[in-house]
Amino acid sequence: FHFVDAPPREVLRMAQEAANGHDIRIGGGPSTVRQFLQADLID
């Protein structure tokens, strides 16, 4: 677990770097999911 204070796009970049080419899961809760949907980052 890594605790980060950053906007969704920057947190996603950190997660992608750690994921070694695999997908990223947005685990929730709904407020967090909503932030990533608002930023148009969900595939």
All heavy atoms as atom14 arrays in JSON, in Angstrom:
{
  "sequence": "FHFVDAPPREVLRMAQEAANGHDIRIGGGPSTVRQFLQADLID",
  "atom14_mask": [
    [1, 1, 1, 1, 1, 1, 1, 1, 1, 1, 1, 0, 0, 0],
    [1, 1, 1, 1, 1, 1, 1, 1, 1, 1, 0, 0, 0, 0],
    [1, 1, 1, 1, 1, 1, 1, 1, 1, 1, 1, 0, 0, 0],
    [1, 1, 1, 1, 1, 1, 1, 0, 0, 0, 0, 0, 0, 0],
    [1, 1, 1, 1, 1, 1, 1, 1, 0, 0, 0, 0, 0, 0],
    [1, 1, 1, 1, 1, 0, 0, 0, 0, 0, 0, 0, 0, 0],
    [1, 1, 1, 1, 1, 1, 1, 0, 0, 0, 0, 0, 0, 0],
    [1, 1, 1, 1, 1, 1, 1, 0, 0, 0, 0, 0, 0, 0],
    [1, 1, 1, 1, 1, 1, 1, 1, 1, 1, 1, 0, 0, 0],
    [1, 1, 1, 1, 1, 1, 1, 1, 1, 0, 0, 0, 0, 0],
    [1, 1, 1, 1, 1, 1, 1, 0, 0, 0, 0, 0, 0, 0],
    [1, 1, 1, 1, 1, 1, 1, 1, 0, 0, 0, 0, 0, 0],
    [1, 1, 1, 1, 1, 1, 1, 1, 1, 1, 1, 0, 0, 0],
    [1, 1, 1, 1, 1, 1, 1, 1, 0, 0, 0, 0, 0, 0],
    [1, 1, 1, 1, 1, 0, 0, 0, 0, 0, 0, 0, 0, 0],
    [1, 1, 1, 1, 1, 1, 1, 1, 1, 0, 0, 0, 0, 0],
    [1, 1, 1, 1, 1, 1, 1, 1, 1, 0, 0, 0, 0, 0],
    [1, 1, 1, 1, 1, 0, 0, 0, 0, 0, 0, 0, 0, 0],
    [1, 1, 1, 1, 1, 0, 0, 0, 0, 0, 0, 0, 0, 0],
    [1, 1, 1, 1, 1, 1, 1, 1, 0, 0, 0, 0, 0, 0],
    [1, 1, 1, 1, 0, 0, 0, 0, 0, 0, 0, 0, 0, 0],
    [1, 1, 1, 1, 1, 1, 1, 1, 1, 1, 0, 0, 0, 0],
    [1, 1, 1, 1, 1, 1, 1, 1, 0, 0, 0, 0, 0, 0],
    [1, 1, 1, 1, 1, 1, 1, 1, 0, 0, 0, 0, 0, 0],
    [1, 1, 1, 1, 1, 1, 1, 1, 1, 1, 1, 0, 0, 0],
    [1, 1, 1, 1, 1, 1, 1, 1, 0, 0, 0, 0, 0, 0],
    [1, 1, 1, 1, 0, 0, 0, 0, 0, 0, 0, 0, 0, 0],
    [1, 1, 1, 1, 0, 0, 0, 0, 0, 0, 0, 0, 0, 0],
    [1, 1, 1, 1, 0, 0, 0, 0, 0, 0, 0, 0, 0, 0],
    [1, 1, 1, 1, 1, 1, 1, 0, 0, 0, 0, 0, 0, 0],
    [1, 1, 1, 1, 1, 1, 0, 0, 0, 0, 0, 0, 0, 0],
    [1, 1, 1, 1, 1, 1, 1, 0, 0, 0, 0, 0, 0, 0],
    [1, 1, 1, 1, 1, 1, 1, 0, 0, 0, 0, 0, 0, 0],
    [1, 1, 1, 1, 1, 1, 1, 1, 1, 1, 1, 0, 0, 0],
    [1, 1, 1, 1, 1, 1, 1, 1, 1, 0, 0, 0, 0, 0],
    [1, 1, 1, 1, 1, 1, 1, 1, 1, 1, 1, 0, 0, 0],
    [1, 1, 1, 1, 1, 1, 1, 1, 0, 0, 0, 0, 0, 0],
    [1, 1, 1, 1, 1, 1, 1, 1, 1, 0, 0, 0, 0, 0],
    [1, 1, 1, 1, 1, 0, 0, 0, 0, 0, 0, 0, 0, 0],
    [1, 1, 1, 1, 1, 1, 1, 1, 0, 0, 0, 0, 0, 0],
    [1, 1, 1, 1, 1, 1, 1, 1, 0, 0, 0, 0, 0, 0],
    [1, 1, 1, 1, 1, 1, 1, 1, 0, 0, 0, 0, 0, 0],
    [1, 1, 1, 1, 1, 1, 1, 1, 0, 0, 0, 0, 0, 0]
  ],
  "atom14_positions": [
    [[0.84, -1.19, 0.0], [0.0, 0.0, 0.0], [0.88, 1.24, 0.0], [1.77, 1.38, 0.85], [-0.91, 0.01, 1.23], [-1.96, -1.06, 1.22], [-1.82, -2.2, 1.99], [-3.1, -0.93, 0.42], [-2.8, -3.19, 1.99], [-4.07, -1.92, 0.4], [-3.93, -3.05, 1.19], [0.0, 0.0, 0.0], [0.0, 0.0, 0.0], [0.0, 0.0, 0.0]],
    [[0.63, 2.15, -0.95], [1.37, 3.4, -1.07], [0.36, 4.54, -1.0], [-0.64, 4.54, -1.74], [2.15, 3.44, -2.39], [3.0, 2.22, -2.61], [4.23, 2.08, -2.02], [2.75, 1.1, -3.32], [4.73, 0.91, -2.38], [3.86, 0.29, -3.16], [0.0, 0.0, 0.0], [0.0, 0.0, 0.0], [0.0, 0.0, 0.0], [0.0, 0.0, 0.0]],
    [[0.61, 5.52, -0.16], [-0.35, 6.58, 0.11], [0.08, 7.84, -0.65], [1.21, 8.33, -0.46], [-0.45, 6.81, 1.61], [-0.89, 5.57, 2.35], [0.01, 4.55, 2.65], [-2.23, 5.39, 2.69], [-0.41, 3.4, 3.3], [-2.65, 4.24, 3.34], [-1.73, 3.24, 3.64], [0.0, 0.0, 0.0], [0.0, 0.0, 0.0], [0.0, 0.0, 0.0]],
    [[-0.8, 8.33, -1.52], [-0.42, 9.4, -2.44], [-1.44, 10.52, -2.41], [-2.65, 10.29, -2.3], [-0.27, 8.85, -3.88], [0.91, 7.88, -3.96], [-1.54, 8.16, -4.36], [0.0, 0.0, 0.0], [0.0, 0.0, 0.0], [0.0, 0.0, 0.0], [0.0, 0.0, 0.0], [0.0, 0.0, 0.0], [0.0, 0.0, 0.0], [0.0, 0.0, 0.0]],
    [[-0.94, 11.74, -2.49], [-1.78, 12.94, -2.53], [-1.58, 13.59, -3.89], [-0.63, 14.34, -4.09], [-1.4, 13.89, -1.39], [-2.28, 15.14, -1.36], [-3.29, 15.17, -2.08], [-1.94, 16.08, -0.6], [0.0, 0.0, 0.0], [0.0, 0.0, 0.0], [0.0, 0.0, 0.0], [0.0, 0.0, 0.0], [0.0, 0.0, 0.0], [0.0, 0.0, 0.0]],
    [[-2.43, 13.24, -4.84], [-2.28, 13.73, -6.21], [-3.62, 13.58, -6.93], [-4.47, 12.79, -6.51], [-1.19, 12.94, -6.94], [0.0, 0.0, 0.0], [0.0, 0.0, 0.0], [0.0, 0.0, 0.0], [0.0, 0.0, 0.0], [0.0, 0.0, 0.0], [0.0, 0.0, 0.0], [0.0, 0.0, 0.0], [0.0, 0.0, 0.0], [0.0, 0.0, 0.0]],
    [[-3.82, 14.32, -8.02], [-5.06, 14.19, -8.8], [-5.1, 12.86, -9.54], [-4.07, 12.19, -9.69], [-5.0, 15.38, -9.77], [-3.56, 15.72, -9.86], [-2.94, 15.39, -8.54], [0.0, 0.0, 0.0], [0.0, 0.0, 0.0], [0.0, 0.0, 0.0], [0.0, 0.0, 0.0], [0.0, 0.0, 0.0], [0.0, 0.0, 0.0], [0.0, 0.0, 0.0]],
    [[-6.29, 12.45, -10.0], [-6.43, 11.12, -10.61], [-5.45, 10.82, -11.74], [-4.87, 9.73, -11.78], [-7.88, 11.14, -11.13], [-8.6, 12.03, -10.19], [-7.61, 13.12, -9.85], [0.0, 0.0, 0.0], [0.0, 0.0, 0.0], [0.0, 0.0, 0.0], [0.0, 0.0, 0.0], [0.0, 0.0, 0.0], [0.0, 0.0, 0.0], [0.0, 0.0, 0.0]],
    [[-5.22, 11.75, -12.63], [-4.34, 11.46, -13.76], [-2.91, 11.16, -13.3], [-2.24, 10.26, -13.84], [-4.36, 12.62, -14.76], [-3.74, 12.28, -16.11], [-3.95, 13.42, -17.1], [-5.35, 13.66, -17.38], [-6.06, 12.97, -18.29], [-5.48, 12.0, -18.97], [-7.33, 13.27, -18.49], [0.0, 0.0, 0.0], [0.0, 0.0, 0.0], [0.0, 0.0, 0.0]],
    [[-2.43, 11.88, -12.29], [-1.09, 11.65, -11.78], [-1.01, 10.33, -11.02], [-0.03, 9.58, -11.13], [-0.67, 12.81, -10.87], [0.68, 12.65, -10.21], [1.85, 12.58, -11.19], [1.67, 12.93, -12.38], [2.94, 12.17, -10.76], [0.0, 0.0, 0.0], [0.0, 0.0, 0.0], [0.0, 0.0, 0.0], [0.0, 0.0, 0.0], [0.0, 0.0, 0.0]],
    [[-2.04, 10.02, -10.23], [-2.04, 8.73, -9.52], [-2.08, 7.58, -10.52], [-1.39, 6.57, -10.34], [-3.24, 8.66, -8.56], [-3.27, 7.31, -7.85], [-3.17, 9.78, -7.52], [0.0, 0.0, 0.0], [0.0, 0.0, 0.0], [0.0, 0.0, 0.0], [0.0, 0.0, 0.0], [0.0, 0.0, 0.0], [0.0, 0.0, 0.0], [0.0, 0.0, 0.0]],
    [[-2.84, 7.74, -11.59], [-2.89, 6.71, -12.62], [-1.51, 6.51, -13.26], [-1.09, 5.37, -13.5], [-3.92, 7.07, -13.68], [-4.07, 6.08, -14.84], [-4.46, 4.69, -14.34], [-5.1, 6.59, -15.85], [0.0, 0.0, 0.0], [0.0, 0.0, 0.0], [0.0, 0.0, 0.0], [0.0, 0.0, 0.0], [0.0, 0.0, 0.0], [0.0, 0.0, 0.0]],
    [[-0.8, 7.6, -13.49], [0.55, 7.47, -14.06], [1.46, 6.67, -13.13], [2.22, 5.8, -13.56], [1.13, 8.86, -14.31], [2.51, 8.84, -14.98], [3.19, 10.18, -14.9], [3.46, 10.58, -13.53], [4.46, 10.09, -12.8], [5.28, 9.17, -13.3], [4.64, 10.51, -11.56], [0.0, 0.0, 0.0], [0.0, 0.0, 0.0], [0.0, 0.0, 0.0]],
    [[1.38, 6.94, -11.81], [2.2, 6.19, -10.85], [1.86, 4.71, -10.88], [2.73, 3.84, -10.85], [1.99, 6.76, -9.45], [2.58, 8.12, -9.2], [2.38, 8.57, -7.44], [1.33, 9.99, -7.59], [0.0, 0.0, 0.0], [0.0, 0.0, 0.0], [0.0, 0.0, 0.0], [0.0, 0.0, 0.0], [0.0, 0.0, 0.0], [0.0, 0.0, 0.0]],
    [[0.55, 4.43, -10.91], [0.12, 3.03, -10.92], [0.56, 2.33, -12.19], [0.99, 1.16, -12.15], [-1.4, 2.96, -10.77], [0.0, 0.0, 0.0], [0.0, 0.0, 0.0], [0.0, 0.0, 0.0], [0.0, 0.0, 0.0], [0.0, 0.0, 0.0], [0.0, 0.0, 0.0], [0.0, 0.0, 0.0], [0.0, 0.0, 0.0], [0.0, 0.0, 0.0]],
    [[0.5, 3.01, -13.32], [0.93, 2.4, -14.58], [2.41, 2.07, -14.55], [2.85, 1.03, -15.06], [0.6, 3.34, -15.74], [-0.89, 3.42, -16.06], [-1.23, 4.5, -17.06], [-0.51, 5.5, -17.18], [-2.33, 4.33, -17.78], [0.0, 0.0, 0.0], [0.0, 0.0, 0.0], [0.0, 0.0, 0.0], [0.0, 0.0, 0.0], [0.0, 0.0, 0.0]],
    [[3.21, 2.93, -13.96], [4.64, 2.66, -13.85], [4.91, 1.43, -13.0], [5.86, 0.68, -13.25], [5.36, 3.87, -13.27], [5.44, 5.06, -14.22], [6.19, 6.24, -13.62], [6.57, 6.16, -12.41], [6.38, 7.23, -14.34], [0.0, 0.0, 0.0], [0.0, 0.0, 0.0], [0.0, 0.0, 0.0], [0.0, 0.0, 0.0], [0.0, 0.0, 0.0]],
    [[4.08, 1.22, -11.98], [4.27, 0.08, -11.07], [3.69, -1.22, -11.63], [4.02, -2.3, -11.13], [3.64, 0.38, -9.72], [0.0, 0.0, 0.0], [0.0, 0.0, 0.0], [0.0, 0.0, 0.0], [0.0, 0.0, 0.0], [0.0, 0.0, 0.0], [0.0, 0.0, 0.0], [0.0, 0.0, 0.0], [0.0, 0.0, 0.0], [0.0, 0.0, 0.0]],
    [[2.84, -1.13, -12.65], [2.07, -2.3, -13.1], [2.78, -3.14, -14.14], [2.25, -4.19, -14.55], [0.72, -1.84, -13.65], [0.0, 0.0, 0.0], [0.0, 0.0, 0.0], [0.0, 0.0, 0.0], [0.0, 0.0, 0.0], [0.0, 0.0, 0.0], [0.0, 0.0, 0.0], [0.0, 0.0, 0.0], [0.0, 0.0, 0.0], [0.0, 0.0, 0.0]],
    [[3.95, -2.72, -14.6], [4.74, -3.52, -15.54], [3.94, -3.92, -16.79], [3.98, -5.07, -17.24], [5.29, -4.78, -14.86], [6.32, -4.45, -13.8], [7.15, -3.57, -13.98], [6.25, -5.14, -12.67], [0.0, 0.0, 0.0], [0.0, 0.0, 0.0], [0.0, 0.0, 0.0], [0.0, 0.0, 0.0], [0.0, 0.0, 0.0], [0.0, 0.0, 0.0]],
    [[3.21, -2.96, -17.33], [2.49, -3.21, -18.58], [1.13, -3.84, -18.42], [0.41, -4.01, -19.41], [0.0, 0.0, 0.0], [0.0, 0.0, 0.0], [0.0, 0.0, 0.0], [0.0, 0.0, 0.0], [0.0, 0.0, 0.0], [0.0, 0.0, 0.0], [0.0, 0.0, 0.0], [0.0, 0.0, 0.0], [0.0, 0.0, 0.0], [0.0, 0.0, 0.0]],
    [[0.73, -4.19, -17.19], [-0.58, -4.77, -16.96], [-1.62, -3.67, -16.73], [-1.29, -2.49, -16.63], [-0.53, -5.72, -15.77], [0.36, -6.91, -15.99], [0.07, -7.9, -16.9], [1.53, -7.26, -15.41], [1.01, -8.81, -16.88], [1.92, -8.45, -15.98], [0.0, 0.0, 0.0], [0.0, 0.0, 0.0], [0.0, 0.0, 0.0], [0.0, 0.0, 0.0]],
    [[-2.87, -4.08, -16.63], [-3.97, -3.13, -16.46], [-4.01, -2.59, -15.03], [-3.46, -3.18, -14.09], [-5.31, -3.79, -16.77], [-5.51, -4.03, -18.26], [-4.65, -3.6, -19.06], [-6.52, -4.66, -18.62], [0.0, 0.0, 0.0], [0.0, 0.0, 0.0], [0.0, 0.0, 0.0], [0.0, 0.0, 0.0], [0.0, 0.0, 0.0], [0.0, 0.0, 0.0]],
    [[-4.72, -1.46, -14.88], [-4.93, -0.82, -13.58], [-6.39, -1.01, -13.19], [-7.29, -0.77, -13.99], [-4.61, 0.68, -13.63], [-3.22, 0.93, -14.22], [-4.76, 1.31, -12.25], [-2.1, 0.28, -13.47], [0.0, 0.0, 0.0], [0.0, 0.0, 0.0], [0.0, 0.0, 0.0], [0.0, 0.0, 0.0], [0.0, 0.0, 0.0], [0.0, 0.0, 0.0]],
    [[-6.61, -1.4, -11.93], [-7.98, -1.51, -11.42], [-8.26, -0.34, -10.49], [-7.48, -0.06, -9.57], [-8.15, -2.84, -10.66], [-9.57, -3.05, -10.14], [-9.72, -4.42, -9.46], [-8.73, -4.61, -8.42], [-7.81, -5.6, -8.41], [-7.79, -6.49, -9.39], [-6.95, -5.71, -7.43], [0.0, 0.0, 0.0], [0.0, 0.0, 0.0], [0.0, 0.0, 0.0]],
    [[-9.38, 0.35, -10.73], [-9.86, 1.37, -9.8], [-10.8, 0.65, -8.82], [-11.89, 0.23, -9.19], [-10.59, 2.51, -10.53], [-9.73, 3.07, -11.67], [-10.96, 3.61, -9.53], [-8.39, 3.63, -11.24], [0.0, 0.0, 0.0], [0.0, 0.0, 0.0], [0.0, 0.0, 0.0], [0.0, 0.0, 0.0], [0.0, 0.0, 0.0], [0.0, 0.0, 0.0]],
    [[-10.37, 0.52, -7.58], [-11.05, -0.36, -6.66], [-12.21, 0.27, -5.91], [-12.97, -0.44, -5.26], [0.0, 0.0, 0.0], [0.0, 0.0, 0.0], [0.0, 0.0, 0.0], [0.0, 0.0, 0.0], [0.0, 0.0, 0.0], [0.0, 0.0, 0.0], [0.0, 0.0, 0.0], [0.0, 0.0, 0.0], [0.0, 0.0, 0.0], [0.0, 0.0, 0.0]],
    [[-12.36, 1.57, -5.95], [-13.45, 2.2, -5.21], [-12.92, 3.03, -4.07], [-11.69, 3.22, -3.95], [0.0, 0.0, 0.0], [0.0, 0.0, 0.0], [0.0, 0.0, 0.0], [0.0, 0.0, 0.0], [0.0, 0.0, 0.0], [0.0, 0.0, 0.0], [0.0, 0.0, 0.0], [0.0, 0.0, 0.0], [0.0, 0.0, 0.0], [0.0, 0.0, 0.0]],
    [[-13.8, 3.55, -3.26], [-15.25, 3.45, -3.36], [-15.83, 4.35, -4.45], [-15.1, 4.84, -5.32], [0.0, 0.0, 0.0], [0.0, 0.0, 0.0], [0.0, 0.0, 0.0], [0.0, 0.0, 0.0], [0.0, 0.0, 0.0], [0.0, 0.0, 0.0], [0.0, 0.0, 0.0], [0.0, 0.0, 0.0], [0.0, 0.0, 0.0], [0.0, 0.0, 0.0]],
    [[-17.14, 4.56, -4.38], [-17.82, 5.28, -5.46], [-17.31, 6.7, -5.68], [-17.3, 7.18, -6.82], [-19.29, 5.28, -5.03], [-19.27, 4.99, -3.57], [-18.08, 4.12, -3.34], [0.0, 0.0, 0.0], [0.0, 0.0, 0.0], [0.0, 0.0, 0.0], [0.0, 0.0, 0.0], [0.0, 0.0, 0.0], [0.0, 0.0, 0.0], [0.0, 0.0, 0.0]],
    [[-16.88, 7.4, -4.63], [-16.37, 8.76, -4.83], [-15.1, 8.75, -5.65], [-14.87, 9.61, -6.51], [-16.11, 9.44, -3.47], [-17.31, 9.57, -2.74], [0.0, 0.0, 0.0], [0.0, 0.0, 0.0], [0.0, 0.0, 0.0], [0.0, 0.0, 0.0], [0.0, 0.0, 0.0], [0.0, 0.0, 0.0], [0.0, 0.0, 0.0], [0.0, 0.0, 0.0]],
    [[-14.24, 7.75, -5.42], [-13.0, 7.62, -6.19], [-13.31, 7.22, -7.62], [-12.75, 7.79, -8.57], [-12.08, 6.58, -5.52], [-11.76, 7.02, -4.2], [-10.81, 6.39, -6.33], [0.0, 0.0, 0.0], [0.0, 0.0, 0.0], [0.0, 0.0, 0.0], [0.0, 0.0, 0.0], [0.0, 0.0, 0.0], [0.0, 0.0, 0.0], [0.0, 0.0, 0.0]],
    [[-14.21, 6.27, -7.8], [-14.61, 5.88, -9.16], [-15.15, 7.08, -9.92], [-14.83, 7.31, -11.09], [-15.66, 4.75, -9.09], [-16.32, 4.54, -10.45], [-15.01, 3.46, -8.62], [0.0, 0.0, 0.0], [0.0, 0.0, 0.0], [0.0, 0.0, 0.0], [0.0, 0.0, 0.0], [0.0, 0.0, 0.0], [0.0, 0.0, 0.0], [0.0, 0.0, 0.0]],
    [[-15.97, 7.88, -9.24], [-16.56, 9.06, -9.89], [-15.48, 10.03, -10.35], [-15.59, 10.62, -11.44], [-17.53, 9.73, -8.91], [-18.54, 10.62, -9.57], [-19.69, 10.94, -8.63], [-19.23, 11.56, -7.39], [-19.55, 11.11, -6.17], [-20.33, 10.05, -6.02], [-19.09, 11.72, -5.1], [0.0, 0.0, 0.0], [0.0, 0.0, 0.0], [0.0, 0.0, 0.0]],
    [[-14.43, 10.22, -9.56], [-13.34, 11.13, -9.96], [-12.69, 10.66, -11.26], [-12.4, 11.48, -12.14], [-12.28, 11.19, -8.86], [-12.67, 11.92, -7.61], [-11.52, 11.95, -6.62], [-10.43, 12.44, -6.91], [-11.75, 11.4, -5.43], [0.0, 0.0, 0.0], [0.0, 0.0, 0.0], [0.0, 0.0, 0.0], [0.0, 0.0, 0.0], [0.0, 0.0, 0.0]],
    [[-12.47, 9.36, -11.39], [-11.81, 8.85, -12.59], [-12.75, 8.87, -13.79], [-12.31, 9.09, -14.92], [-11.26, 7.44, -12.33], [-9.97, 7.46, -11.55], [-9.97, 7.57, -10.17], [-8.76, 7.4, -12.21], [-8.79, 7.62, -9.46], [-7.57, 7.44, -11.51], [-7.58, 7.55, -10.13], [0.0, 0.0, 0.0], [0.0, 0.0, 0.0], [0.0, 0.0, 0.0]],
    [[-14.04, 8.68, -13.57], [-15.0, 8.82, -14.66], [-15.1, 10.28, -15.11], [-15.14, 10.57, -16.31], [-16.37, 8.32, -14.21], [-16.54, 6.8, -14.12], [-17.85, 6.46, -13.41], [-16.51, 6.16, -15.51], [0.0, 0.0, 0.0], [0.0, 0.0, 0.0], [0.0, 0.0, 0.0], [0.0, 0.0, 0.0], [0.0, 0.0, 0.0], [0.0, 0.0, 0.0]],
    [[-15.11, 11.2, -14.16], [-15.17, 12.62, -14.52], [-13.95, 13.04, -15.33], [-14.04, 13.89, -16.22], [-15.3, 13.46, -13.25], [-16.67, 13.37, -12.59], [-16.71, 14.02, -11.22], [-15.71, 14.14, -10.53], [-17.91, 14.45, -10.81], [0.0, 0.0, 0.0], [0.0, 0.0, 0.0], [0.0, 0.0, 0.0], [0.0, 0.0, 0.0], [0.0, 0.0, 0.0]],
    [[-12.79, 12.45, -15.03], [-11.56, 12.78, -15.75], [-11.42, 11.99, -17.04], [-10.4, 12.13, -17.74], [-10.35, 12.51, -14.84], [0.0, 0.0, 0.0], [0.0, 0.0, 0.0], [0.0, 0.0, 0.0], [0.0, 0.0, 0.0], [0.0, 0.0, 0.0], [0.0, 0.0, 0.0], [0.0, 0.0, 0.0], [0.0, 0.0, 0.0], [0.0, 0.0, 0.0]],
    [[-12.42, 11.17, -17.39], [-12.42, 10.38, -18.63], [-11.22, 9.43, -18.69], [-10.58, 9.29, -19.73], [-12.45, 11.3, -19.85], [-12.89, 10.57, -21.12], [-13.53, 9.5, -21.01], [-12.58, 11.06, -22.23], [0.0, 0.0, 0.0], [0.0, 0.0, 0.0], [0.0, 0.0, 0.0], [0.0, 0.0, 0.0], [0.0, 0.0, 0.0], [0.0, 0.0, 0.0]],
    [[-10.95, 8.76, -17.58], [-9.79, 7.87, -17.5], [-10.15, 6.39, -17.45], [-9.27, 5.55, -17.34], [-8.96, 8.23, -16.25], [-8.36, 9.63, -16.21], [-7.68, 9.89, -14.86], [-7.36, 9.81, -17.35], [0.0, 0.0, 0.0], [0.0, 0.0, 0.0], [0.0, 0.0, 0.0], [0.0, 0.0, 0.0], [0.0, 0.0, 0.0], [0.0, 0.0, 0.0]],
    [[-11.45, 6.07, -17.53], [-11.89, 4.68, -17.4], [-12.11, 4.06, -18.78], [-12.81, 4.62, -19.62], [-13.19, 4.6, -16.58], [-12.97, 5.16, -15.17], [-13.71, 3.16, -16.52], [-11.9, 4.44, -14.37], [0.0, 0.0, 0.0], [0.0, 0.0, 0.0], [0.0, 0.0, 0.0], [0.0, 0.0, 0.0], [0.0, 0.0, 0.0], [0.0, 0.0, 0.0]],
    [[-11.52, 2.87, -18.98], [-11.69, 2.14, -20.24], [-12.77, 1.07, -20.17], [-13.39, 0.74, -21.17], [-10.36, 1.48, -20.64], [-9.26, 2.5, -20.87], [-9.45, 3.39, -21.71], [-8.22, 2.41, -20.19], [0.0, 0.0, 0.0], [0.0, 0.0, 0.0], [0.0, 0.0, 0.0], [0.0, 0.0, 0.0], [0.0, 0.0, 0.0], [0.0, 0.0, 0.0]]
  ]
}
